Amino acid sequence: MATIPTINAASCSAVTPLVSIIVPAYNCSSYIGEALSSVFVQTFKNFEVIVVNGGSPDTQQLETALQPYRDSVVYIKQENRGVAADRNAGIRAARGEYLAFLDGDDVWLPDYLATQMRFFETTPSLDMIYCDQVYFGDESHDDSIYQGGARRAGTTCMQGSPSRGAVTFESLLTGRCNIVTSSTVARRRVIVECGMFEEEMFRAEDIHMWLRVAYSGSQITYHKAVLGRHRLHPGSLATQILKSNEAVVDALQRLQRSLSLTPSRSRLVKRQIERFRAMTELYRGKMHLSAGEFDKAKDSLAFANTFFHSPKLYIVLTGLRVVPRLTRIGSQAWLELVRKS
C-alpha cells in the first residue's frame, strides 16, 4: 500500500499563511478524516495544516485516511516521543504568524477560526485566546467512584472546568481559568519564546506550557462560545484522574525548578502541589474502598485528609480504624460519603 511521503514546508504554496494549524496524530486514524474535514470547511481560509505522526502504531491506516488530503497538508513523520514533541515538530515547520492547536480526534465548527482571529484583529496586544468545546463520542467511562463534574456527551469543557476572571499565572495555577488546548490560538512568537512544549512530559505538557506563557506576561483571554467538539474515549475515568493529577504535580515541580518565582507565587505553587497530591490519594482511596481494600483505603484517605480536613473523611477513617472488617452495606455507605467529599 502506498504511503504518503513527508512533505516539508518548502514544498508548500509560496503564499505565507496567517495561521498554522498543528494536528498531532497518534492512534487516531479512525478520526483524523473528521478532524481535517472540519478544518477545510472553515469560513476563514488563510491557513496551512501540519499533521504530525509521532510513530503511531496505526500509521498504515492513518496514511490511508490522509490520502484525500495529501495535497492540502504538510505531513511530518517522526519517532514516538510524545505529543509535546509532535506539537513542537509542527511549530518548527509552521510558517504562520499564529498557531492553532487541534488534536487529531477533535473537531472544529465552521466559524471557529474566523471567530478566534477576529479577537486578534480587534485587540492587537492579544497573544493567545481559547473558547469552549462540547464533549461528544464514547462516554462509557467507569465513573462509579467519581461524581459531580464527570464528563458527559452534550456537556461542555467549561461546564466542568470553568474559566472566571482574568487569565493570569495565578488563575491558571489555582484552576479559576482552564485552557482548552484544541480551541486555542496563539502567536507563534510567544510559544517559541516561552520554549515551546516540554518534550520530557507525556501528560500535562499543555498546562506546563500555558503557565509559562502566563508567567511571561503574555496577554491571554477567552470567550465562552462553543466552537468545537472534544471527543470522549472509553476507559476508567478514575484511572485517568490519577494519572492527570500525578502529571500536574510533575508539571508544577518543573516550574518550581525552572522559574524565578516570587515568594507569594512560590507558596502558591507549593500549595497546589500539596492539593494535587491530596487529590491523587483521595481518588486512590476511593478506588481501594470500592474494591474492598480497606487497609489501603485507610492509608490513602488519611493522607488526603491531612490537606482537606473533611468531616466526612474523618467519619470514614474512624470506621475503617474501628471496624476493620466492614460489611458490604457499611462499605457502600462510607463510599457514598467519600464520593461527596
Protein backbone atom coordinates (compact mmCIF):
# COMPACT_ATOMS: atom_id res chain seq x y z
CA MET A 1 0.00 0.00 0.00
CA ALA A 2 1.31 3.42 -0.93
CA THR A 3 2.36 5.70 1.89
CA ILE A 4 2.44 9.47 2.00
CA PRO A 5 5.97 10.87 1.99
CA THR A 6 6.94 13.54 4.47
CA ILE A 7 6.21 16.93 2.92
CA ASN A 8 8.28 19.79 4.26
CA ALA A 9 7.09 23.37 4.39
CA ALA A 10 9.27 24.45 1.46
CA SER A 11 7.19 22.34 -0.91
CA CYS A 12 4.02 24.19 0.02
CA SER A 13 2.50 27.26 -1.55
CA ALA A 14 4.70 30.32 -1.77
CA VAL A 15 1.92 32.34 -0.18
CA THR A 16 2.65 32.67 3.54
CA PRO A 17 -0.37 31.59 5.61
CA LEU A 18 -1.53 33.68 8.56
CA VAL A 19 -2.36 30.63 10.70
CA SER A 20 -0.55 27.31 11.02
CA ILE A 21 -2.82 24.54 12.30
CA ILE A 22 -0.89 21.89 14.27
CA VAL A 23 -2.52 18.44 14.33
CA PRO A 24 -0.71 15.70 16.30
CA ALA A 25 -1.97 12.36 15.02
CA TYR A 26 -1.35 9.34 17.24
CA ASN A 27 -3.75 6.37 17.21
CA CYS A 28 -6.44 8.47 15.58
CA SER A 29 -6.74 7.02 12.08
CA SER A 30 -10.47 6.48 12.67
CA TYR A 31 -10.98 10.15 13.49
CA ILE A 32 -8.39 12.16 11.53
CA GLY A 33 -10.63 12.46 8.47
CA GLU A 34 -13.37 14.07 10.54
CA ALA A 35 -10.89 16.43 12.17
CA LEU A 36 -9.40 17.56 8.84
CA SER A 37 -12.80 17.88 7.20
CA SER A 38 -13.75 20.31 9.96
CA VAL A 39 -10.62 22.33 9.15
CA PHE A 40 -11.20 22.57 5.41
CA VAL A 41 -14.78 23.81 5.83
CA GLN A 42 -13.63 26.78 7.92
CA THR A 43 -15.02 30.11 6.76
CA PHE A 44 -11.56 31.58 7.47
CA LYS A 45 -9.23 30.29 4.73
CA ASN A 46 -5.78 31.81 5.30
CA PHE A 47 -4.11 28.80 6.92
CA GLU A 48 -1.85 25.81 6.46
CA VAL A 49 -2.34 22.41 8.07
CA ILE A 50 0.56 20.45 9.57
CA VAL A 51 -0.19 16.84 10.56
CA VAL A 52 2.47 15.19 12.73
CA ASN A 53 2.59 11.41 13.01
CA GLY A 54 4.68 10.66 16.09
CA GLY A 55 5.38 6.98 15.43
CA SER A 56 1.73 5.99 15.59
CA PRO A 57 1.11 2.23 15.70
CA ASP A 58 -1.70 2.72 13.18
CA THR A 59 0.50 4.54 10.65
CA GLN A 60 -0.67 2.46 7.70
CA GLN A 61 -4.34 3.19 8.44
CA LEU A 62 -3.53 6.83 9.25
CA GLU A 63 -1.81 7.40 5.92
CA THR A 64 -4.70 5.77 4.11
CA ALA A 65 -7.09 8.14 5.87
CA LEU A 66 -4.86 11.08 4.91
CA GLN A 67 -4.81 10.25 1.19
CA PRO A 68 -7.69 12.62 0.28
CA TYR A 69 -5.79 15.47 1.95
CA ARG A 70 -2.23 14.73 0.80
CA ASP A 71 -2.05 17.80 -1.47
CA SER A 72 -3.50 20.06 1.21
CA VAL A 73 -1.44 19.25 4.31
CA VAL A 74 2.15 19.25 5.45
CA TYR A 75 2.76 15.72 6.73
CA ILE A 76 5.61 15.05 9.16
CA LYS A 77 6.50 11.58 10.36
CA GLN A 78 8.86 11.04 13.28
CA GLU A 79 9.58 8.53 16.03
CA ASN A 80 7.28 8.25 19.05
CA ARG A 81 8.43 10.88 21.54
CA GLY A 82 5.06 12.05 22.85
CA VAL A 83 2.53 14.69 21.92
CA ALA A 84 4.77 17.55 23.09
CA ALA A 85 7.45 16.54 20.58
CA ASP A 86 4.79 16.21 17.89
CA ARG A 87 3.43 19.70 18.53
CA ASN A 88 6.96 21.09 18.57
CA ALA A 89 7.74 19.48 15.21
CA GLY A 90 4.67 21.20 13.82
CA ILE A 91 5.68 24.52 15.36
CA ARG A 92 9.17 24.30 13.80
CA ALA A 93 7.64 23.68 10.39
CA ALA A 94 4.99 26.38 10.80
CA ARG A 95 5.11 29.48 8.59
CA GLY A 96 2.13 31.31 10.05
CA GLU A 97 2.19 34.19 12.49
CA TYR A 98 -0.39 32.31 14.59
CA LEU A 99 -0.62 28.71 15.78
CA ALA A 100 -3.93 26.90 16.14
CA PHE A 101 -3.88 23.59 18.00
CA LEU A 102 -6.25 20.74 17.09
CA ASP A 103 -5.89 17.18 18.36
CA GLY A 104 -6.40 14.56 15.67
CA ASP A 105 -9.61 13.24 17.21
CA ASP A 106 -11.30 16.59 17.89
CA VAL A 107 -13.44 18.74 15.60
CA TRP A 108 -13.96 22.45 14.97
CA LEU A 109 -17.20 24.15 13.96
CA PRO A 110 -17.03 26.11 10.66
CA ASP A 111 -16.73 29.58 12.25
CA TYR A 112 -14.05 28.57 14.76
CA LEU A 113 -11.03 30.21 13.13
CA ALA A 114 -12.93 33.26 11.89
CA THR A 115 -14.20 33.94 15.41
CA GLN A 116 -10.82 33.43 17.07
CA MET A 117 -8.94 35.58 14.57
CA ARG A 118 -11.46 38.41 14.95
CA PHE A 119 -10.23 38.87 18.52
CA PHE A 120 -6.65 39.33 17.32
CA GLU A 121 -7.83 41.88 14.75
CA THR A 122 -9.70 43.94 17.33
CA THR A 123 -7.10 43.57 20.14
CA PRO A 124 -3.58 43.92 18.69
CA SER A 125 -1.98 43.32 22.11
CA LEU A 126 -3.60 39.89 22.42
CA ASP A 127 -1.21 36.92 22.43
CA MET A 128 -3.46 33.91 22.97
CA ILE A 129 -7.16 33.05 23.07
CA TYR A 130 -9.30 29.99 23.78
CA CYS A 131 -13.00 29.15 23.79
CA ASP A 132 -15.28 26.28 24.79
CA GLN A 133 -15.93 22.84 23.28
CA VAL A 134 -18.73 20.33 23.73
CA TYR A 135 -17.99 16.71 24.63
CA PHE A 136 -19.07 14.00 22.19
CA GLY A 137 -18.32 10.38 21.40
CA ASP A 138 -17.97 7.35 23.66
CA GLU A 139 -18.84 8.20 27.25
CA SER A 140 -18.57 4.64 28.62
CA HIS A 141 -16.26 5.70 31.45
CA ASP A 142 -16.15 3.77 34.67
CA ASP A 143 -17.08 6.76 36.82
CA SER A 144 -18.77 4.85 39.63
CA ILE A 145 -16.42 6.47 42.16
CA TYR A 146 -16.37 9.90 40.59
CA GLN A 147 -19.41 12.15 40.62
CA GLY A 148 -20.05 15.85 40.18
CA GLY A 149 -18.22 17.06 37.09
CA ALA A 150 -17.88 13.74 35.26
CA ARG A 151 -17.53 14.41 31.55
CA ARG A 152 -20.67 13.58 29.58
CA ALA A 153 -21.54 13.89 25.91
CA GLY A 154 -23.54 17.06 25.43
CA THR A 155 -21.89 18.96 28.29
CA THR A 156 -19.05 21.39 27.65
CA CYS A 157 -15.47 21.65 28.84
CA MET A 158 -16.17 24.93 30.62
CA GLN A 159 -19.16 23.48 32.45
CA GLY A 160 -16.84 21.03 34.15
CA SER A 161 -13.75 23.24 34.28
CA PRO A 162 -14.89 26.88 34.12
CA SER A 163 -12.88 30.00 33.41
CA ARG A 164 -13.65 33.00 35.60
CA GLY A 165 -11.98 36.38 35.60
CA ALA A 166 -8.66 37.36 34.05
CA VAL A 167 -6.25 34.71 32.78
CA THR A 168 -3.08 35.03 34.87
CA PHE A 169 -0.38 32.74 36.21
CA GLU A 170 -2.29 32.61 39.49
CA SER A 171 -5.72 31.92 37.97
CA LEU A 172 -4.34 29.10 35.83
CA LEU A 173 -2.45 27.68 38.78
CA THR A 174 -5.50 27.62 41.06
CA GLY A 175 -7.94 26.43 38.40
CA ARG A 176 -10.02 29.62 38.21
CA CYS A 177 -9.19 29.53 34.50
CA ASN A 178 -8.79 26.34 32.45
CA ILE A 179 -7.47 26.36 28.89
CA VAL A 180 -8.95 24.02 26.29
CA THR A 181 -5.99 23.11 24.05
CA SER A 182 -7.96 22.14 20.93
CA SER A 183 -9.66 25.52 20.98
CA THR A 184 -6.52 27.62 21.47
CA VAL A 185 -4.89 30.03 19.03
CA ALA A 186 -1.63 31.77 19.97
CA ARG A 187 1.03 33.93 18.38
CA ARG A 188 3.82 31.67 17.22
CA ARG A 189 6.44 34.10 18.54
CA VAL A 190 5.08 33.78 22.10
CA ILE A 191 5.10 29.98 22.10
CA VAL A 192 8.64 29.87 20.71
CA GLU A 193 9.96 32.49 23.13
CA CYS A 194 8.50 30.53 26.05
CA GLY A 195 10.43 27.43 24.99
CA MET A 196 7.62 25.51 23.26
CA PHE A 197 6.25 22.30 24.79
CA GLU A 198 8.36 20.33 27.28
CA GLU A 199 9.24 17.13 25.43
CA GLU A 200 10.14 15.18 28.55
CA MET A 201 6.50 15.38 29.63
CA PHE A 202 3.92 12.90 28.35
CA ARG A 203 0.96 14.38 30.28
CA ALA A 204 0.09 17.91 31.44
CA GLU A 205 2.55 19.32 28.90
CA ASP A 206 -0.15 21.77 27.81
CA ILE A 207 -0.75 23.02 31.38
CA HIS A 208 3.00 23.44 31.76
CA MET A 209 3.11 25.43 28.50
CA TRP A 210 0.20 27.75 29.31
CA LEU A 211 1.56 28.52 32.78
CA ARG A 212 4.87 29.57 31.23
CA VAL A 213 3.04 31.74 28.69
CA ALA A 214 1.13 33.45 31.50
CA TYR A 215 4.33 33.80 33.57
CA SER A 216 5.98 35.60 30.63
CA GLY A 217 3.36 38.35 30.87
CA SER A 218 1.67 37.46 27.58
CA GLN A 219 -1.95 38.56 27.27
CA ILE A 220 -4.33 35.60 27.30
CA THR A 221 -8.10 35.79 27.09
CA TYR A 222 -11.09 33.54 26.39
CA HIS A 223 -14.72 33.61 25.42
CA LYS A 224 -17.43 31.07 26.13
CA ALA A 225 -18.75 30.34 22.64
CA VAL A 226 -18.83 26.61 21.93
CA LEU A 227 -16.89 26.36 18.67
CA GLY A 228 -15.53 22.83 18.78
CA ARG A 229 -16.20 19.23 19.79
CA HIS A 230 -13.92 17.33 22.16
CA ARG A 231 -14.05 13.55 21.77
CA LEU A 232 -14.57 11.22 24.72
CA HIS A 233 -12.93 7.81 24.69
CA PRO A 234 -13.86 4.71 26.69
CA GLY A 235 -11.86 3.89 29.77
CA SER A 236 -11.63 4.27 33.50
CA LEU A 237 -12.23 7.88 34.44
CA ALA A 238 -10.80 7.32 37.92
CA THR A 239 -7.54 5.99 36.44
CA GLN A 240 -7.34 8.97 34.09
CA ILE A 241 -7.81 11.32 37.05
CA LEU A 242 -4.99 9.64 38.97
CA LYS A 243 -2.59 9.94 36.04
CA SER A 244 -3.63 13.52 35.32
CA ASN A 245 -3.15 14.62 38.93
CA GLU A 246 0.26 12.98 39.10
CA ALA A 247 1.24 14.70 35.85
CA VAL A 248 0.14 18.09 37.17
CA VAL A 249 2.35 17.59 40.24
CA ASP A 250 5.27 16.86 37.92
CA ALA A 251 4.49 19.98 35.86
CA LEU A 252 4.39 22.20 38.93
CA GLN A 253 7.62 20.77 40.30
CA ARG A 254 9.27 21.56 36.96
CA LEU A 255 8.03 25.14 37.21
CA GLN A 256 9.47 25.39 40.73
CA ARG A 257 12.88 24.44 39.37
CA SER A 258 12.84 26.48 36.16
CA LEU A 259 11.10 29.77 37.01
CA SER A 260 12.22 32.61 39.25
CA LEU A 261 9.10 32.77 41.37
CA THR A 262 8.24 35.49 43.85
CA PRO A 263 7.73 34.26 47.43
CA SER A 264 3.95 34.50 47.07
CA ARG A 265 3.95 32.56 43.80
CA SER A 266 6.33 30.00 45.25
CA ARG A 267 3.98 29.43 48.18
CA LEU A 268 1.04 29.11 45.80
CA VAL A 269 2.84 26.55 43.64
CA LYS A 270 3.78 24.56 46.76
CA ARG A 271 0.17 24.68 47.96
CA GLN A 272 -1.11 23.42 44.61
CA ILE A 273 1.40 20.56 44.63
CA GLU A 274 0.08 19.56 48.06
CA ARG A 275 -3.50 19.86 46.79
CA PHE A 276 -2.97 17.66 43.74
CA ARG A 277 -1.09 15.07 45.79
CA ALA A 278 -4.04 15.00 48.20
CA MET A 279 -6.50 14.72 45.31
CA THR A 280 -4.49 11.81 43.92
CA GLU A 281 -4.69 9.96 47.23
CA LEU A 282 -8.38 10.81 47.60
CA TYR A 283 -9.19 9.17 44.28
CA ARG A 284 -6.84 6.29 45.03
CA GLY A 285 -8.63 5.84 48.36
CA LYS A 286 -11.98 5.75 46.56
CA MET A 287 -10.67 3.04 44.26
CA HIS A 288 -9.35 0.97 47.19
CA LEU A 289 -12.59 1.39 49.13
CA SER A 290 -14.67 0.41 46.11
CA ALA A 291 -12.50 -2.72 45.70
CA GLY A 292 -12.80 -3.64 49.38
CA GLU A 293 -9.10 -2.95 50.03
CA PHE A 294 -9.74 -1.28 53.37
CA ASP A 295 -6.20 -1.00 54.73
CA LYS A 296 -5.01 0.66 51.52
CA ALA A 297 -8.10 2.88 51.51
CA LYS A 298 -7.35 3.99 55.07
CA ASP A 299 -3.77 4.97 54.21
CA SER A 300 -4.74 6.92 51.10
CA LEU A 301 -7.70 8.69 52.68
CA ALA A 302 -5.67 9.58 55.79
CA PHE A 303 -3.02 11.19 53.57
CA ALA A 304 -5.69 13.10 51.63
CA ASN A 305 -7.33 14.35 54.79
CA THR A 306 -4.16 15.97 56.09
CA PHE A 307 -4.92 18.50 53.35
CA PHE A 308 -8.73 18.51 53.08
CA HIS A 309 -9.70 18.20 56.78
CA SER A 310 -13.09 16.86 55.69
CA PRO A 311 -15.59 15.82 58.41
CA LYS A 312 -16.93 13.14 56.06
CA LEU A 313 -13.48 11.68 55.58
CA TYR A 314 -12.96 11.70 59.36
CA ILE A 315 -16.12 9.57 59.70
CA VAL A 316 -14.92 7.11 57.06
CA LEU A 317 -11.45 6.89 58.58
CA THR A 318 -12.89 6.30 62.05
CA GLY A 319 -14.97 3.47 60.68
CA LEU A 320 -12.01 1.94 58.91
CA ARG A 321 -9.98 2.02 62.12
CA VAL A 322 -12.68 0.79 64.49
CA VAL A 323 -14.29 -1.84 62.26
CA PRO A 324 -11.52 -3.14 60.00
CA ARG A 325 -13.71 -5.87 58.52
CA LEU A 326 -16.51 -3.83 57.06
CA THR A 327 -19.73 -5.35 55.83
CA ARG A 328 -20.59 -4.66 52.20
CA ILE A 329 -23.50 -2.49 53.31
CA GLY A 330 -21.25 -0.41 55.54
CA SER A 331 -18.54 -0.03 52.92
CA GLN A 332 -21.05 1.13 50.32
CA ALA A 333 -22.43 3.73 52.72
CA TRP A 334 -18.95 5.00 53.51
CA LEU A 335 -18.03 5.02 49.83
CA GLU A 336 -21.02 7.30 49.26
CA LEU A 337 -19.62 9.69 51.90
CA VAL A 338 -16.22 9.68 50.16
CA ARG A 339 -17.82 10.34 46.78
CA LYS A 340 -19.31 13.54 48.17
CA SER A 341 -16.06 14.72 49.78
